[in-house]
Amino acid sequence: MDNQTKKKLKAKGQSIEPSVRIGKEGITPGLENEIAAQLKSKKLLKIKILGRVDKQDRLDVSEILTSNLNCEVVEIRGNTILLYKP
């Protein structure tokens, strides 16, 4: 993804609310299916990770989602991950 596209997606992502929340159970198959369905319909999805997580946990979650769902991470800010599926 080029920088200009990423910039536009970040700007668009600021106005949307997280529609998926990852809790203490982590990424379950049901949650992964829900994320896949929302990415298919919305293309841009904001995910909130609940609880106290460190940077490595956020990176691990984003890597799992991008590899399993064939999507791209636009931005990781705090406990929020912005995903895009073209």
N, C-alpha and C. Protein backbone atom coordinates (compact mmCIF):
# COMPACT_ATOMS: atom_id res chain seq x y z
N MET A 1 0.86 -1.17 0.00
CA MET A 1 0.00 0.00 0.00
C MET A 1 0.90 1.24 0.00
N ASP A 2 0.59 2.15 -0.88
CA ASP A 2 1.42 3.36 -0.96
C ASP A 2 1.03 4.36 0.14
N ASN A 3 1.90 5.33 0.38
CA ASN A 3 1.71 6.27 1.48
C ASN A 3 0.47 7.13 1.32
N GLN A 4 0.16 7.51 0.09
CA GLN A 4 -1.02 8.36 -0.15
C GLN A 4 -2.31 7.62 0.19
N THR A 5 -2.39 6.36 -0.20
CA THR A 5 -3.57 5.55 0.11
C THR A 5 -3.68 5.35 1.62
N LYS A 6 -2.54 5.07 2.25
CA LYS A 6 -2.53 4.85 3.70
C LYS A 6 -2.99 6.11 4.44
N LYS A 7 -2.57 7.28 3.96
CA LYS A 7 -2.96 8.55 4.56
C LYS A 7 -4.47 8.76 4.48
N LYS A 8 -5.04 8.47 3.31
CA LYS A 8 -6.48 8.62 3.12
C LYS A 8 -7.26 7.66 4.01
N LEU A 9 -6.78 6.43 4.12
CA LEU A 9 -7.46 5.44 4.95
C LEU A 9 -7.37 5.81 6.43
N LYS A 10 -6.23 6.33 6.87
CA LYS A 10 -6.09 6.77 8.26
C LYS A 10 -7.08 7.89 8.57
N ALA A 11 -7.20 8.84 7.64
CA ALA A 11 -8.13 9.95 7.84
C ALA A 11 -9.56 9.44 7.91
N LYS A 12 -9.91 8.52 7.05
CA LYS A 12 -11.26 7.95 7.04
C LYS A 12 -11.50 7.13 8.31
N GLY A 13 -10.47 6.46 8.78
CA GLY A 13 -10.58 5.62 9.97
C GLY A 13 -10.81 6.39 11.25
N GLN A 14 -10.44 7.67 11.27
CA GLN A 14 -10.64 8.47 12.48
C GLN A 14 -12.12 8.70 12.77
N SER A 15 -12.93 8.66 11.74
CA SER A 15 -14.35 8.95 11.94
C SER A 15 -15.19 7.72 12.25
N ILE A 16 -14.61 6.53 12.16
CA ILE A 16 -15.39 5.33 12.45
C ILE A 16 -15.09 4.82 13.85
N GLU A 17 -16.08 4.19 14.43
CA GLU A 17 -15.94 3.60 15.77
C GLU A 17 -15.51 2.14 15.64
N PRO A 18 -14.82 1.61 16.65
CA PRO A 18 -14.46 0.19 16.61
C PRO A 18 -15.74 -0.67 16.59
N SER A 19 -15.82 -1.58 15.62
CA SER A 19 -17.01 -2.41 15.53
C SER A 19 -16.74 -3.83 16.01
N VAL A 20 -15.48 -4.14 16.31
CA VAL A 20 -15.10 -5.44 16.85
C VAL A 20 -14.20 -5.20 18.04
N ARG A 21 -14.43 -5.98 19.09
CA ARG A 21 -13.60 -5.89 20.28
C ARG A 21 -13.02 -7.26 20.59
N ILE A 22 -11.72 -7.28 20.84
CA ILE A 22 -11.04 -8.53 21.19
C ILE A 22 -10.84 -8.54 22.69
N GLY A 23 -11.42 -9.51 23.36
CA GLY A 23 -11.36 -9.60 24.81
C GLY A 23 -10.30 -10.57 25.29
N LYS A 24 -10.48 -11.05 26.51
CA LYS A 24 -9.48 -11.91 27.13
C LYS A 24 -9.38 -13.29 26.47
N GLU A 25 -10.41 -13.70 25.72
CA GLU A 25 -10.35 -14.98 25.03
C GLU A 25 -9.47 -14.92 23.79
N GLY A 26 -9.15 -13.72 23.35
CA GLY A 26 -8.30 -13.57 22.17
C GLY A 26 -9.07 -13.75 20.88
N ILE A 27 -8.37 -14.18 19.86
CA ILE A 27 -8.97 -14.35 18.54
C ILE A 27 -9.51 -15.77 18.43
N THR A 28 -10.82 -15.90 18.51
CA THR A 28 -11.47 -17.19 18.37
C THR A 28 -11.91 -17.36 16.91
N PRO A 29 -12.21 -18.59 16.50
CA PRO A 29 -12.69 -18.78 15.12
C PRO A 29 -13.96 -17.97 14.81
N GLY A 30 -14.85 -17.87 15.77
CA GLY A 30 -16.07 -17.07 15.57
C GLY A 30 -15.77 -15.60 15.38
N LEU A 31 -14.84 -15.09 16.17
CA LEU A 31 -14.44 -13.69 16.06
C LEU A 31 -13.74 -13.43 14.73
N GLU A 32 -12.91 -14.38 14.33
CA GLU A 32 -12.22 -14.25 13.04
C GLU A 32 -13.22 -14.23 11.88
N ASN A 33 -14.25 -15.07 11.96
CA ASN A 33 -15.30 -15.08 10.93
C ASN A 33 -16.04 -13.76 10.89
N GLU A 34 -16.31 -13.19 12.06
CA GLU A 34 -17.01 -11.90 12.14
C GLU A 34 -16.16 -10.79 11.52
N ILE A 35 -14.87 -10.79 11.83
CA ILE A 35 -13.97 -9.78 11.26
C ILE A 35 -13.91 -9.93 9.74
N ALA A 36 -13.83 -11.17 9.25
CA ALA A 36 -13.79 -11.42 7.81
C ALA A 36 -15.06 -10.91 7.13
N ALA A 37 -16.21 -11.16 7.75
CA ALA A 37 -17.48 -10.71 7.18
C ALA A 37 -17.56 -9.19 7.14
N GLN A 38 -17.13 -8.54 8.21
CA GLN A 38 -17.18 -7.08 8.24
C GLN A 38 -16.18 -6.46 7.25
N LEU A 39 -15.01 -7.07 7.11
CA LEU A 39 -14.04 -6.57 6.14
C LEU A 39 -14.59 -6.69 4.72
N LYS A 40 -15.30 -7.78 4.47
CA LYS A 40 -15.86 -7.99 3.13
C LYS A 40 -16.90 -6.92 2.79
N SER A 41 -17.70 -6.54 3.77
CA SER A 41 -18.76 -5.56 3.50
C SER A 41 -18.29 -4.12 3.63
N LYS A 42 -17.40 -3.84 4.59
CA LYS A 42 -16.99 -2.46 4.86
C LYS A 42 -15.66 -2.05 4.24
N LYS A 43 -14.78 -3.00 4.02
CA LYS A 43 -13.43 -2.78 3.49
C LYS A 43 -12.46 -2.16 4.51
N LEU A 44 -12.96 -1.28 5.38
CA LEU A 44 -12.13 -0.62 6.40
C LEU A 44 -12.76 -0.90 7.76
N LEU A 45 -11.97 -1.46 8.66
CA LEU A 45 -12.51 -1.92 9.93
C LEU A 45 -11.59 -1.51 11.08
N LYS A 46 -12.21 -1.02 12.14
CA LYS A 46 -11.45 -0.65 13.34
C LYS A 46 -11.74 -1.68 14.42
N ILE A 47 -10.65 -2.20 15.01
CA ILE A 47 -10.75 -3.23 16.04
C ILE A 47 -10.12 -2.70 17.32
N LYS A 48 -10.80 -2.93 18.42
CA LYS A 48 -10.31 -2.50 19.74
C LYS A 48 -9.89 -3.73 20.53
N ILE A 49 -8.69 -3.69 21.10
CA ILE A 49 -8.23 -4.77 21.98
C ILE A 49 -8.47 -4.31 23.41
N LEU A 50 -9.27 -5.07 24.14
CA LEU A 50 -9.64 -4.70 25.50
C LEU A 50 -8.58 -5.16 26.50
N GLY A 51 -8.47 -4.45 27.59
CA GLY A 51 -7.53 -4.80 28.65
C GLY A 51 -6.16 -4.18 28.43
N ARG A 52 -5.25 -4.55 29.29
CA ARG A 52 -3.89 -4.02 29.20
C ARG A 52 -3.06 -4.95 28.34
N VAL A 53 -2.61 -4.44 27.22
CA VAL A 53 -1.76 -5.22 26.32
C VAL A 53 -0.53 -4.39 25.96
N ASP A 54 0.57 -5.09 25.73
CA ASP A 54 1.77 -4.35 25.35
C ASP A 54 1.91 -4.30 23.83
N LYS A 55 2.92 -3.64 23.38
CA LYS A 55 3.13 -3.42 21.95
C LYS A 55 3.26 -4.74 21.20
N GLN A 56 3.96 -5.70 21.78
CA GLN A 56 4.16 -6.98 21.10
C GLN A 56 2.84 -7.73 20.93
N ASP A 57 1.95 -7.66 21.93
CA ASP A 57 0.64 -8.30 21.82
C ASP A 57 -0.16 -7.69 20.66
N ARG A 58 -0.11 -6.37 20.54
CA ARG A 58 -0.83 -5.71 19.44
C ARG A 58 -0.26 -6.13 18.09
N LEU A 59 1.05 -6.22 18.01
CA LEU A 59 1.69 -6.65 16.76
C LEU A 59 1.34 -8.10 16.44
N ASP A 60 1.30 -8.95 17.46
CA ASP A 60 0.94 -10.36 17.25
C ASP A 60 -0.48 -10.49 16.73
N VAL A 61 -1.41 -9.75 17.32
CA VAL A 61 -2.80 -9.79 16.88
C VAL A 61 -2.91 -9.32 15.44
N SER A 62 -2.23 -8.23 15.10
CA SER A 62 -2.30 -7.72 13.74
C SER A 62 -1.69 -8.70 12.74
N GLU A 63 -0.60 -9.36 13.11
CA GLU A 63 0.02 -10.35 12.22
C GLU A 63 -0.90 -11.54 11.98
N ILE A 64 -1.55 -12.01 13.04
CA ILE A 64 -2.47 -13.14 12.91
C ILE A 64 -3.61 -12.78 11.97
N LEU A 65 -4.19 -11.60 12.18
CA LEU A 65 -5.33 -11.19 11.36
C LEU A 65 -4.94 -10.98 9.90
N THR A 66 -3.80 -10.33 9.67
CA THR A 66 -3.41 -10.07 8.28
C THR A 66 -3.08 -11.36 7.54
N SER A 67 -2.45 -12.30 8.21
CA SER A 67 -2.10 -13.55 7.53
C SER A 67 -3.33 -14.44 7.31
N ASN A 68 -4.23 -14.49 8.29
CA ASN A 68 -5.41 -15.36 8.17
C ASN A 68 -6.50 -14.78 7.28
N LEU A 69 -6.61 -13.46 7.23
CA LEU A 69 -7.72 -12.83 6.51
C LEU A 69 -7.30 -12.11 5.23
N ASN A 70 -6.01 -12.16 4.92
CA ASN A 70 -5.50 -11.53 3.70
C ASN A 70 -5.90 -10.05 3.61
N CYS A 71 -5.58 -9.33 4.67
CA CYS A 71 -5.87 -7.89 4.73
C CYS A 71 -4.60 -7.16 5.12
N GLU A 72 -4.68 -5.84 5.19
CA GLU A 72 -3.51 -5.03 5.52
C GLU A 72 -3.78 -4.17 6.74
N VAL A 73 -2.75 -3.96 7.54
CA VAL A 73 -2.84 -3.05 8.67
C VAL A 73 -2.56 -1.64 8.17
N VAL A 74 -3.50 -0.75 8.40
CA VAL A 74 -3.32 0.65 8.03
C VAL A 74 -2.60 1.38 9.16
N GLU A 75 -3.05 1.09 10.40
CA GLU A 75 -2.48 1.81 11.54
C GLU A 75 -2.74 1.04 12.82
N ILE A 76 -1.79 1.10 13.73
CA ILE A 76 -1.99 0.62 15.09
C ILE A 76 -1.77 1.82 15.99
N ARG A 77 -2.81 2.20 16.71
CA ARG A 77 -2.73 3.36 17.59
C ARG A 77 -3.31 2.96 18.94
N GLY A 78 -2.46 2.92 19.96
CA GLY A 78 -2.92 2.48 21.27
C GLY A 78 -3.39 1.03 21.17
N ASN A 79 -4.58 0.76 21.66
CA ASN A 79 -5.14 -0.58 21.59
C ASN A 79 -6.10 -0.74 20.42
N THR A 80 -5.96 0.09 19.42
CA THR A 80 -6.85 0.06 18.26
C THR A 80 -6.06 -0.28 17.00
N ILE A 81 -6.61 -1.19 16.22
CA ILE A 81 -6.00 -1.60 14.97
C ILE A 81 -6.96 -1.25 13.84
N LEU A 82 -6.45 -0.61 12.81
CA LEU A 82 -7.26 -0.26 11.65
C LEU A 82 -6.82 -1.18 10.51
N LEU A 83 -7.78 -1.99 10.01
CA LEU A 83 -7.50 -2.96 8.95
C LEU A 83 -8.20 -2.55 7.66
N TYR A 84 -7.60 -2.90 6.54
CA TYR A 84 -8.17 -2.62 5.23
C TYR A 84 -8.03 -3.86 4.35
N LYS A 85 -9.11 -4.17 3.66
CA LYS A 85 -9.08 -5.27 2.69
C LYS A 85 -9.56 -4.73 1.36
N PRO A 86 -8.66 -4.62 0.39
CA PRO A 86 -9.06 -4.08 -0.92
C PRO A 86 -10.02 -5.01 -1.67
